């Protein structure tokens, strides 16, 4: 079970991307040694870093820049459902009024949906960025251009990610020669989240992984109803009912 953590208005986009960048920072330091972030780089791609002590693979170049694109891998239908604040707004207002004005806590979460996690879940979420790679690389003459991707649905410590999705992402991206130099995955909703590299263009995985063990797996994503402070709840019971607002688009099976 997970909950949505995405920004819902444009003004928060930069702040949220900064958060994703910081989640990836420990791995960036391992890959590139010390660096400074280039403050003026905020779009196309979303960030960039200047390496202080470039690894030996960059040779004797004095200035090495890495471009960074940041993107969600979650399905568009799910993002539309999770982030839509207009559809069902009156129902949400009535629900909040029942809780805070009358002390009635509904047994139905505000939103709830099962999201399928096929072996191409992350692959499908990043493949569309391939067409932008050349323009990003040439625009500022980056020495490498990488992709940091994230999800509100799946997380690093989830067994589906650890024992299937990560390896299959690497394999599928390798098969299409995905142009970004590296792909890093982070999970903002995870506790003590650890960034994971799921693809390296220079180390392609051409051997197919073990068969994917979770072809029918889904993860239930919930936006909970308002709760009163100072009251103990059994959340499994509170979240077990049908959602107040159902998806407008039928989720895939």
Protein backbone atom coordinates (compact mmCIF):
# COMPACT_ATOMS: atom_id res chain seq x y z
CA UNK A 1 0.00 0.00 0.00
CA UNK A 2 1.31 3.44 -0.89
CA UNK A 3 0.12 7.02 -1.12
CA UNK A 4 0.63 9.78 -3.64
CA UNK A 5 3.53 12.17 -3.03
CA UNK A 6 3.53 14.22 -6.21
CA UNK A 7 3.21 17.98 -6.58
CA UNK A 8 -0.20 19.12 -7.79
CA UNK A 9 0.57 22.69 -8.91
CA UNK A 10 3.26 24.00 -11.19
CA UNK A 11 4.77 26.20 -8.49
CA UNK A 12 5.91 23.16 -6.56
CA UNK A 13 7.54 21.36 -9.50
CA UNK A 14 11.02 22.76 -8.92
CA UNK A 15 10.87 22.07 -5.17
CA UNK A 16 9.78 18.49 -5.78
CA UNK A 17 12.52 17.92 -8.36
CA UNK A 18 15.05 19.22 -5.83
CA UNK A 19 13.78 16.60 -3.40
CA UNK A 20 14.22 13.84 -5.98
CA UNK A 21 17.71 15.11 -6.78
CA UNK A 22 18.67 15.01 -3.11
CA UNK A 23 17.40 11.44 -2.79
CA UNK A 24 19.73 10.46 -5.63
CA UNK A 25 22.69 12.46 -4.27
CA UNK A 26 24.42 9.57 -2.38
CA UNK A 27 24.58 7.50 -5.55
CA UNK A 28 25.63 10.50 -7.66
CA UNK A 29 28.62 10.94 -5.35
CA UNK A 30 29.59 7.28 -5.78
CA UNK A 31 29.33 7.52 -9.54
CA UNK A 32 30.93 10.91 -10.07
CA UNK A 33 32.86 11.77 -6.88
CA UNK A 34 32.38 15.29 -5.51
CA UNK A 35 30.39 17.77 -7.56
CA UNK A 36 28.53 21.06 -7.44
CA UNK A 37 25.05 21.55 -8.79
CA UNK A 38 24.72 24.09 -11.61
CA UNK A 39 22.02 26.44 -10.29
CA UNK A 40 20.90 27.86 -13.65
CA UNK A 41 20.06 24.45 -15.12
CA UNK A 42 16.38 23.89 -14.34
CA UNK A 43 14.78 22.72 -17.57
CA UNK A 44 15.64 20.60 -20.62
CA UNK A 45 17.10 18.81 -18.71
CA UNK A 46 15.92 19.46 -15.17
CA UNK A 47 19.34 19.70 -13.48
CA UNK A 48 23.07 19.46 -14.07
CA UNK A 49 26.22 18.98 -12.02
CA UNK A 50 29.82 20.06 -12.50
CA UNK A 51 32.32 17.45 -11.35
CA UNK A 52 35.03 18.58 -8.93
CA UNK A 53 37.21 15.47 -9.34
CA UNK A 54 36.06 13.66 -12.48
CA UNK A 55 36.57 9.87 -12.51
CA UNK A 56 39.40 8.59 -14.68
CA UNK A 57 37.01 7.53 -17.45
CA UNK A 58 36.67 11.21 -18.42
CA UNK A 59 40.38 11.50 -19.13
CA UNK A 60 42.18 14.79 -18.52
CA UNK A 61 39.21 17.09 -19.14
CA UNK A 62 39.24 19.97 -16.69
CA UNK A 63 35.50 20.62 -16.86
CA UNK A 64 33.02 17.74 -16.87
CA UNK A 65 29.26 18.39 -16.85
CA UNK A 66 26.51 15.85 -16.31
CA UNK A 67 22.97 16.62 -17.44
CA UNK A 68 20.13 15.18 -15.37
CA UNK A 69 16.54 14.58 -16.43
CA UNK A 70 13.97 13.81 -13.69
CA UNK A 71 10.74 11.94 -14.38
CA UNK A 72 8.00 9.85 -12.82
CA UNK A 73 7.54 6.29 -14.06
CA UNK A 74 3.98 5.95 -12.82
CA UNK A 75 1.26 5.32 -15.46
CA UNK A 76 -0.48 8.40 -16.85
CA UNK A 77 -3.92 7.08 -15.94
CA UNK A 78 -2.83 6.72 -12.30
CA UNK A 79 -1.23 10.19 -12.16
CA UNK A 80 -4.38 11.71 -13.61
CA UNK A 81 -6.47 10.02 -10.93
CA UNK A 82 -4.16 10.68 -7.98
CA UNK A 83 -3.49 14.34 -8.81
CA UNK A 84 -6.94 15.47 -9.98
CA UNK A 85 -8.22 17.86 -7.32
CA UNK A 86 -11.27 19.09 -9.27
CA UNK A 87 -13.12 15.87 -10.02
CA UNK A 88 -15.00 14.90 -6.86
CA UNK A 89 -13.98 18.10 -5.02
CA UNK A 90 -17.52 18.56 -3.66
CA UNK A 91 -17.49 15.02 -2.25
CA UNK A 92 -14.13 15.68 -0.57
CA UNK A 93 -15.48 18.90 0.96
CA UNK A 94 -18.53 17.07 2.30
CA UNK A 95 -16.34 14.29 3.70
CA UNK A 96 -14.12 16.81 5.50
CA UNK A 97 -17.18 18.59 6.89
CA UNK A 98 -18.58 15.34 8.30
CA UNK A 99 -15.29 14.66 10.04
CA UNK A 100 -14.34 18.06 11.41
CA UNK A 101 -17.81 19.55 11.98
CA UNK A 102 -19.72 16.44 13.06
CA UNK A 103 -16.94 14.14 14.28
CA UNK A 104 -17.91 11.43 11.77
CA UNK A 105 -15.02 9.57 10.19
CA UNK A 106 -15.96 7.73 7.01
CA UNK A 107 -15.01 4.11 6.47
CA UNK A 108 -14.10 4.90 2.88
CA UNK A 109 -10.73 6.35 1.79
CA UNK A 110 -10.86 9.36 -0.50
CA UNK A 111 -9.15 7.51 -3.38
CA UNK A 112 -8.03 3.92 -3.79
CA UNK A 113 -6.92 1.92 -6.80
CA UNK A 114 -4.90 -1.20 -7.59
CA UNK A 115 -1.96 -0.47 -9.91
CA UNK A 116 -0.55 -3.42 -11.91
CA UNK A 117 3.24 -3.89 -11.75
CA UNK A 118 4.31 -5.73 -14.93
CA UNK A 119 7.97 -6.35 -15.74
CA UNK A 120 7.97 -3.30 -18.02
CA UNK A 121 6.54 -0.92 -15.40
CA UNK A 122 9.66 1.30 -15.14
CA UNK A 123 10.65 0.75 -18.78
CA UNK A 124 7.31 2.12 -20.00
CA UNK A 125 7.69 5.10 -17.68
CA UNK A 126 11.08 6.21 -19.05
CA UNK A 127 11.19 5.09 -22.68
CA UNK A 128 9.41 8.22 -23.89
CA UNK A 129 12.37 10.31 -22.73
CA UNK A 130 14.67 8.67 -25.31
CA UNK A 131 13.62 11.09 -28.04
CA UNK A 132 14.78 14.06 -25.96
CA UNK A 133 18.26 12.71 -25.29
CA UNK A 134 20.11 14.17 -28.27
CA UNK A 135 18.70 17.66 -27.78
CA UNK A 136 19.65 17.58 -24.11
CA UNK A 137 23.17 16.38 -24.81
CA UNK A 138 23.92 18.89 -27.57
CA UNK A 139 22.23 21.87 -25.96
CA UNK A 140 24.83 22.33 -23.22
CA UNK A 141 27.48 19.87 -24.40
CA UNK A 142 27.08 17.50 -21.48
CA UNK A 143 29.72 14.82 -21.06
CA UNK A 144 27.03 12.44 -19.84
CA UNK A 145 23.28 12.76 -19.56
CA UNK A 146 21.48 10.62 -17.00
CA UNK A 147 17.91 10.00 -15.93
CA UNK A 148 16.64 10.00 -12.35
CA UNK A 149 13.24 8.34 -12.19
CA UNK A 150 10.87 7.86 -9.28
CA UNK A 151 7.56 6.31 -8.35
CA UNK A 152 4.82 6.84 -5.80
CA UNK A 153 3.60 3.30 -6.44
CA UNK A 154 6.62 0.98 -6.22
CA UNK A 155 9.53 1.49 -3.86
CA UNK A 156 13.14 0.30 -3.54
CA UNK A 157 12.54 -2.09 -0.63
CA UNK A 158 9.51 -3.73 -2.18
CA UNK A 159 10.23 -7.37 -3.08
CA UNK A 160 8.77 -6.88 -6.57
CA UNK A 161 11.41 -4.24 -7.25
CA UNK A 162 14.27 -6.11 -5.59
CA UNK A 163 13.61 -9.56 -7.03
CA UNK A 164 12.30 -8.83 -10.49
CA UNK A 165 11.51 -5.31 -11.62
CA UNK A 166 15.02 -3.87 -11.25
CA UNK A 167 16.69 -6.62 -13.32
CA UNK A 168 14.00 -6.58 -15.98
CA UNK A 169 14.25 -2.78 -16.28
CA UNK A 170 17.98 -3.09 -16.93
CA UNK A 171 17.43 -5.83 -19.52
CA UNK A 172 14.61 -4.07 -21.38
CA UNK A 173 16.48 -0.76 -21.57
CA UNK A 174 19.59 -2.59 -22.75
CA UNK A 175 17.63 -4.29 -25.55
CA UNK A 176 16.57 -0.96 -27.05
CA UNK A 177 19.96 0.71 -26.46
CA UNK A 178 18.38 3.38 -24.27
CA UNK A 179 20.47 6.51 -24.94
CA UNK A 180 20.80 7.96 -21.44
CA UNK A 181 24.15 7.05 -19.90
CA UNK A 182 22.62 5.88 -16.64
CA UNK A 183 19.19 5.49 -15.08
CA UNK A 184 18.79 5.91 -11.31
CA UNK A 185 15.62 4.97 -9.46
CA UNK A 186 14.52 6.56 -6.18
CA UNK A 187 11.34 6.13 -4.15
CA UNK A 188 10.26 9.29 -2.28
CA UNK A 189 7.68 7.46 -0.19
CA UNK A 190 10.17 4.87 1.10
CA UNK A 191 11.57 5.05 4.62
CA UNK A 192 15.33 5.68 4.54
CA UNK A 193 15.17 5.48 0.74
CA UNK A 194 18.21 4.21 -1.13
CA UNK A 195 18.87 5.25 -4.74
CA UNK A 196 19.48 2.34 -7.10
CA UNK A 197 21.09 2.34 -10.52
CA UNK A 198 18.88 0.30 -12.83
CA UNK A 199 20.74 0.87 -16.14
CA UNK A 200 24.20 1.71 -17.41
CA UNK A 201 24.63 2.22 -21.15
CA UNK A 202 28.24 1.04 -20.98
CA UNK A 203 27.32 -2.21 -19.20
CA UNK A 204 24.34 -3.54 -21.10
CA UNK A 205 22.50 -6.61 -19.86
CA UNK A 206 21.98 -8.86 -22.88
CA UNK A 207 21.20 -12.03 -20.94
CA UNK A 208 17.51 -12.28 -20.13
CA UNK A 209 16.80 -12.32 -16.37
CA UNK A 210 14.98 -15.11 -14.63
CA UNK A 211 11.27 -15.23 -15.49
CA UNK A 212 9.36 -12.40 -13.85
CA UNK A 213 7.70 -13.79 -10.72
CA UNK A 214 5.03 -11.11 -10.35
CA UNK A 215 3.09 -10.90 -13.66
CA UNK A 216 -0.24 -10.46 -11.87
CA UNK A 217 1.00 -8.29 -9.00
CA UNK A 218 -0.76 -5.06 -8.07
CA UNK A 219 -0.07 -2.43 -5.44
CA UNK A 220 -2.98 -0.71 -3.76
CA UNK A 221 -2.53 3.07 -3.74
CA UNK A 222 -4.59 5.01 -1.24
CA UNK A 223 -5.34 8.62 -0.40
CA UNK A 224 -6.88 8.34 3.05
CA UNK A 225 -9.94 10.11 4.36
CA UNK A 226 -9.65 12.85 7.05
CA UNK A 227 -9.02 11.44 10.54
CA UNK A 228 -9.45 13.05 13.94
CA UNK A 229 -6.40 13.67 16.12
CA UNK A 230 -6.17 11.90 19.45
CA UNK A 231 -8.13 8.89 18.21
CA UNK A 232 -6.64 5.46 17.52
CA UNK A 233 -7.74 3.90 14.22
CA UNK A 234 -7.26 0.51 12.64
CA UNK A 235 -6.18 1.82 9.27
CA UNK A 236 -6.59 -1.52 7.52
CA UNK A 237 -10.27 -1.33 8.40
CA UNK A 238 -10.63 2.33 7.53
CA UNK A 239 -8.96 1.81 4.15
CA UNK A 240 -10.78 -1.41 3.28
CA UNK A 241 -13.92 0.22 1.88
CA UNK A 242 -14.60 1.48 -1.62
CA UNK A 243 -13.09 4.87 -2.43
CA UNK A 244 -15.15 8.03 -2.19
CA UNK A 245 -13.84 8.93 -5.66
CA UNK A 246 -13.30 6.15 -8.19
CA UNK A 247 -10.99 6.53 -11.22
CA UNK A 248 -12.69 8.06 -14.26
CA UNK A 249 -10.63 5.78 -16.51
CA UNK A 250 -10.87 2.04 -15.93
CA UNK A 251 -7.44 0.87 -14.69
CA UNK A 252 -5.75 -1.79 -16.84
CA UNK A 253 -5.72 -5.38 -15.61
